Amino acid sequence: MRERNFGPVSNEGTTHPFRLAILLSGSGRSLENLLRRQKTGELAATINLVVSNREDVRGVTIAEEAGISTVVSAKGDATLETWSSIIFDHCREANVDLVVMAGFLQLVTIPSDFEHRVINIHPSLLPAFGGKGFYGNRVHTAVIEHSSTTSGCTVHFVDNEYDHGPILLQSPVPVASDDTPESLAAKVFLAECETLPEAINVLSKKHQLKYKT
């Protein structure tokens, strides 16, 4: 697991616990993992908002059952800028310090006040196998087709390009000769379950240290 340098992640003068908004598009497995770690004290943050761009997905159900403020905001015919502005207005209203894309399959425009405050988890060792169209089993299929012996996951800061922006943490995963996209996906997801909370904890610690001084 490798750590990279990165910028500030919170607004000056805040004293509340490190607050998260989770953006998702599907099953909510990463949300489920983070909620479990929040409950056990392994996550140095609280999940205060969930935003989904799809209505009938398991992630929304998980969030609602956990009592988290939940918003469904489909892009529809809105421009990217307008839709992105709506999403980040919800994040501002929830007073979150960090936005976490966890299986969120839509590009957004990052406003200036959220630069270095949005992270994404991607199922490969970026910059390899990233970019538009590389998500889910498409990534793992490409890894196997290229005869790669190592894959993994990456947590990175989000900018206005797919799977781009400074890398925060990476965790490698070996690719076996008999791996299928499904078996590799399972191994990579286990790495994601450790790497994403660790990245959040790193940022939370920096947040706390910054505002103690």
Protein backbone atom coordinates (compact mmCIF):
# COMPACT_ATOMS: atom_id res chain seq x y z
CA MET A 1 0.00 0.00 0.00
CA ARG A 2 1.53 3.29 -1.10
CA GLU A 3 0.67 6.77 0.13
CA ARG A 4 1.07 9.88 -1.97
CA ASN A 5 1.11 13.56 -1.07
CA PHE A 6 -2.16 15.47 -1.26
CA GLY A 7 -3.75 18.74 -0.27
CA PRO A 8 -6.17 19.92 2.42
CA VAL A 9 -9.54 18.19 2.73
CA SER A 10 -11.71 20.27 5.02
CA ASN A 11 -13.01 23.75 5.67
CA GLU A 12 -11.12 25.94 8.11
CA GLY A 13 -12.67 26.33 11.54
CA THR A 14 -14.71 23.12 11.60
CA THR A 15 -14.84 21.25 14.92
CA HIS A 16 -17.28 18.42 14.14
CA PRO A 17 -16.22 14.82 13.46
CA PHE A 18 -14.94 14.05 9.99
CA ARG A 19 -18.15 13.89 7.96
CA LEU A 20 -18.63 11.92 4.75
CA ALA A 21 -20.98 11.94 1.79
CA ILE A 22 -21.04 8.67 -0.14
CA LEU A 23 -21.89 8.71 -3.85
CA LEU A 24 -23.02 5.39 -5.31
CA SER A 25 -24.77 3.85 -8.29
CA GLY A 26 -25.39 0.24 -7.34
CA SER A 27 -25.28 -2.45 -4.68
CA GLY A 28 -23.71 -0.37 -1.93
CA ARG A 29 -21.17 -3.01 -0.90
CA SER A 30 -18.55 -0.36 -0.12
CA LEU A 31 -21.11 1.66 1.83
CA GLU A 32 -21.99 -1.49 3.77
CA ASN A 33 -18.32 -2.04 4.59
CA LEU A 34 -17.85 1.56 5.74
CA LEU A 35 -20.97 1.43 7.91
CA ARG A 36 -19.72 -1.75 9.54
CA ARG A 37 -16.37 -0.15 10.28
CA GLN A 38 -18.03 3.01 11.56
CA LYS A 39 -20.03 0.88 13.99
CA THR A 40 -16.94 -0.95 15.26
CA GLY A 41 -14.89 2.22 15.58
CA GLU A 42 -12.50 1.31 12.76
CA LEU A 43 -13.57 4.28 10.66
CA ALA A 44 -12.50 7.70 11.90
CA ALA A 45 -15.49 9.38 10.29
CA THR A 46 -19.26 9.49 10.20
CA ILE A 47 -21.43 8.90 7.13
CA ASN A 48 -23.88 11.78 7.01
CA LEU A 49 -25.20 11.68 3.46
CA VAL A 50 -25.67 9.18 0.65
CA VAL A 51 -26.34 10.32 -2.91
CA SER A 52 -27.29 7.87 -5.66
CA ASN A 53 -27.83 8.59 -9.34
CA ARG A 54 -30.13 5.55 -9.53
CA GLU A 55 -33.30 4.98 -7.54
CA ASP A 56 -33.93 1.23 -7.45
CA VAL A 57 -30.53 0.05 -6.20
CA ARG A 58 -29.55 -1.81 -3.07
CA GLY A 59 -27.23 0.99 -1.95
CA VAL A 60 -30.19 3.32 -1.43
CA THR A 61 -31.96 0.68 0.65
CA ILE A 62 -28.87 0.16 2.82
CA ALA A 63 -28.56 3.90 3.43
CA GLU A 64 -32.22 4.37 4.28
CA GLU A 65 -32.27 1.38 6.62
CA ALA A 66 -29.22 2.83 8.40
CA GLY A 67 -31.07 6.10 8.92
CA ILE A 68 -28.73 8.12 6.74
CA SER A 69 -30.00 11.15 4.88
CA THR A 70 -30.37 9.83 1.33
CA VAL A 71 -30.85 11.64 -1.97
CA VAL A 72 -31.57 10.14 -5.39
CA SER A 73 -30.48 12.52 -8.13
CA ALA A 74 -30.54 11.20 -11.68
CA LYS A 75 -28.84 13.34 -14.30
CA GLY A 76 -31.69 13.10 -16.78
CA ASP A 77 -31.63 15.91 -19.31
CA ALA A 78 -29.69 18.30 -17.08
CA THR A 79 -26.29 19.54 -18.18
CA LEU A 80 -23.31 18.04 -16.40
CA GLU A 81 -22.60 21.35 -14.68
CA THR A 82 -26.17 21.80 -13.46
CA TRP A 83 -26.47 18.23 -12.21
CA SER A 84 -23.07 18.38 -10.51
CA SER A 85 -24.06 21.62 -8.81
CA ILE A 86 -27.19 19.95 -7.41
CA ILE A 87 -25.16 17.08 -5.98
CA PHE A 88 -22.61 19.33 -4.32
CA ASP A 89 -25.33 21.59 -2.95
CA HIS A 90 -26.60 18.54 -1.04
CA CYS A 91 -23.05 17.94 0.21
CA ARG A 92 -22.76 21.54 1.39
CA GLU A 93 -26.12 21.34 3.17
CA ALA A 94 -24.90 18.22 4.99
CA ASN A 95 -21.70 20.07 5.91
CA VAL A 96 -19.49 17.18 4.82
CA ASP A 97 -15.70 17.29 4.83
CA LEU A 98 -15.11 14.60 2.23
CA VAL A 99 -17.10 13.13 -0.67
CA VAL A 100 -16.43 9.45 -1.35
CA MET A 101 -17.29 7.92 -4.71
CA ALA A 102 -17.90 4.25 -3.99
CA GLY A 103 -19.15 2.56 -7.13
CA PHE A 104 -20.40 5.85 -8.59
CA LEU A 105 -20.48 5.42 -12.37
CA GLN A 106 -20.92 8.99 -13.51
CA LEU A 107 -18.53 11.82 -14.21
CA VAL A 108 -19.16 14.99 -12.21
CA THR A 109 -17.72 18.48 -12.35
CA ILE A 110 -15.82 19.28 -9.15
CA PRO A 111 -16.49 22.81 -7.83
CA SER A 112 -13.57 24.84 -6.52
CA ASP A 113 -14.58 24.49 -2.87
CA PHE A 114 -14.46 20.68 -3.18
CA GLU A 115 -11.06 20.38 -4.82
CA HIS A 116 -9.02 17.77 -2.89
CA ARG A 117 -12.21 16.85 -1.04
CA VAL A 118 -13.55 14.14 -3.38
CA ILE A 119 -12.03 10.65 -3.59
CA ASN A 120 -12.82 7.58 -5.67
CA ILE A 121 -12.07 3.85 -5.31
CA HIS A 122 -11.16 2.15 -8.61
CA PRO A 123 -10.58 -1.61 -9.11
CA SER A 124 -7.16 -1.46 -10.78
CA LEU A 125 -3.73 0.00 -10.19
CA LEU A 126 -4.19 3.30 -11.95
CA PRO A 127 -3.21 4.63 -14.41
CA ALA A 128 -3.55 1.10 -15.83
CA PHE A 129 -7.07 0.04 -16.85
CA GLY A 130 -8.75 3.33 -16.04
CA GLY A 131 -10.79 5.87 -17.95
CA LYS A 132 -14.24 6.07 -19.48
CA GLY A 133 -15.84 2.64 -19.84
CA PHE A 134 -13.48 0.90 -17.41
CA TYR A 135 -15.59 -0.20 -14.46
CA GLY A 136 -16.64 -3.44 -12.78
CA ASN A 137 -15.84 -6.65 -14.60
CA ARG A 138 -14.77 -4.71 -17.69
CA VAL A 139 -11.64 -3.80 -15.73
CA HIS A 140 -10.94 -7.34 -14.55
CA THR A 141 -11.56 -8.79 -18.01
CA ALA A 142 -9.05 -6.34 -19.49
CA VAL A 143 -6.47 -7.20 -16.82
CA ILE A 144 -6.74 -10.91 -17.62
CA GLU A 145 -6.75 -10.37 -21.39
CA HIS A 146 -3.51 -8.40 -21.07
CA SER A 147 -1.92 -11.27 -19.10
CA SER A 148 -1.16 -8.97 -16.19
CA THR A 149 0.26 -10.73 -13.14
CA THR A 150 -0.73 -7.96 -10.71
CA SER A 151 -3.89 -5.93 -10.32
CA GLY A 152 -5.33 -4.20 -7.29
CA CYS A 153 -7.23 -1.10 -6.30
CA THR A 154 -6.57 2.62 -6.17
CA VAL A 155 -7.98 5.43 -4.06
CA HIS A 156 -7.41 8.76 -5.75
CA PHE A 157 -8.58 12.33 -5.59
CA VAL A 158 -11.17 13.12 -8.22
CA ASP A 159 -10.80 15.82 -10.83
CA ASN A 160 -12.86 16.45 -13.95
CA GLU A 161 -11.62 13.37 -15.85
CA TYR A 162 -12.52 9.70 -15.40
CA ASP A 163 -10.14 7.88 -13.03
CA HIS A 164 -7.73 10.79 -12.94
CA GLY A 165 -6.28 12.94 -10.18
CA PRO A 166 -3.56 12.42 -7.54
CA ILE A 167 -3.28 8.90 -6.13
CA LEU A 168 -3.72 8.55 -2.38
CA LEU A 169 -3.37 4.81 -1.74
CA GLN A 170 -2.93 1.66 -3.81
CA SER A 171 -3.10 -2.01 -2.82
CA PRO A 172 -1.75 -4.67 -5.21
CA VAL A 173 -3.46 -8.03 -5.72
CA PRO A 174 -1.80 -11.00 -7.50
CA VAL A 175 -3.50 -12.30 -10.64
CA ALA A 176 -3.44 -16.12 -10.79
CA SER A 177 -3.17 -17.99 -14.07
CA ASP A 178 -6.63 -19.50 -13.52
CA ASP A 179 -8.36 -16.31 -12.42
CA THR A 180 -11.63 -15.36 -14.09
CA PRO A 181 -13.00 -11.81 -14.09
CA GLU A 182 -15.32 -12.89 -11.27
CA SER A 183 -12.62 -14.45 -9.08
CA LEU A 184 -10.29 -11.50 -9.63
CA ALA A 185 -13.12 -9.10 -8.81
CA ALA A 186 -13.65 -10.89 -5.50
CA LYS A 187 -9.98 -10.58 -4.58
CA VAL A 188 -9.80 -6.94 -5.56
CA PHE A 189 -12.94 -6.11 -3.60
CA LEU A 190 -11.37 -7.60 -0.45
CA ALA A 191 -8.48 -5.19 -0.99
CA GLU A 192 -10.92 -2.33 -1.51
CA CYS A 193 -12.58 -3.12 1.82
CA GLU A 194 -9.27 -2.39 3.56
CA THR A 195 -7.89 0.37 1.34
CA LEU A 196 -10.86 2.74 1.22
CA PRO A 197 -11.32 2.94 5.02
CA GLU A 198 -7.57 3.37 5.41
CA ALA A 199 -7.55 6.26 2.97
CA ILE A 200 -10.45 7.92 4.79
CA ASN A 201 -8.65 7.45 8.11
CA VAL A 202 -5.49 9.05 6.70
CA LEU A 203 -7.49 12.09 5.61
CA SER A 204 -9.40 12.22 8.89
CA LYS A 205 -6.14 12.23 10.84
CA LYS A 206 -4.77 15.08 8.74
CA HIS A 207 -8.04 16.95 9.28
CA GLN A 208 -7.79 16.55 13.05
CA LEU A 209 -4.12 17.53 13.18
CA LYS A 210 -4.73 20.61 11.06
CA TYR A 211 -7.44 21.99 13.35
CA LYS A 212 -5.71 21.17 16.61
CA THR A 213 -3.02 23.72 15.76
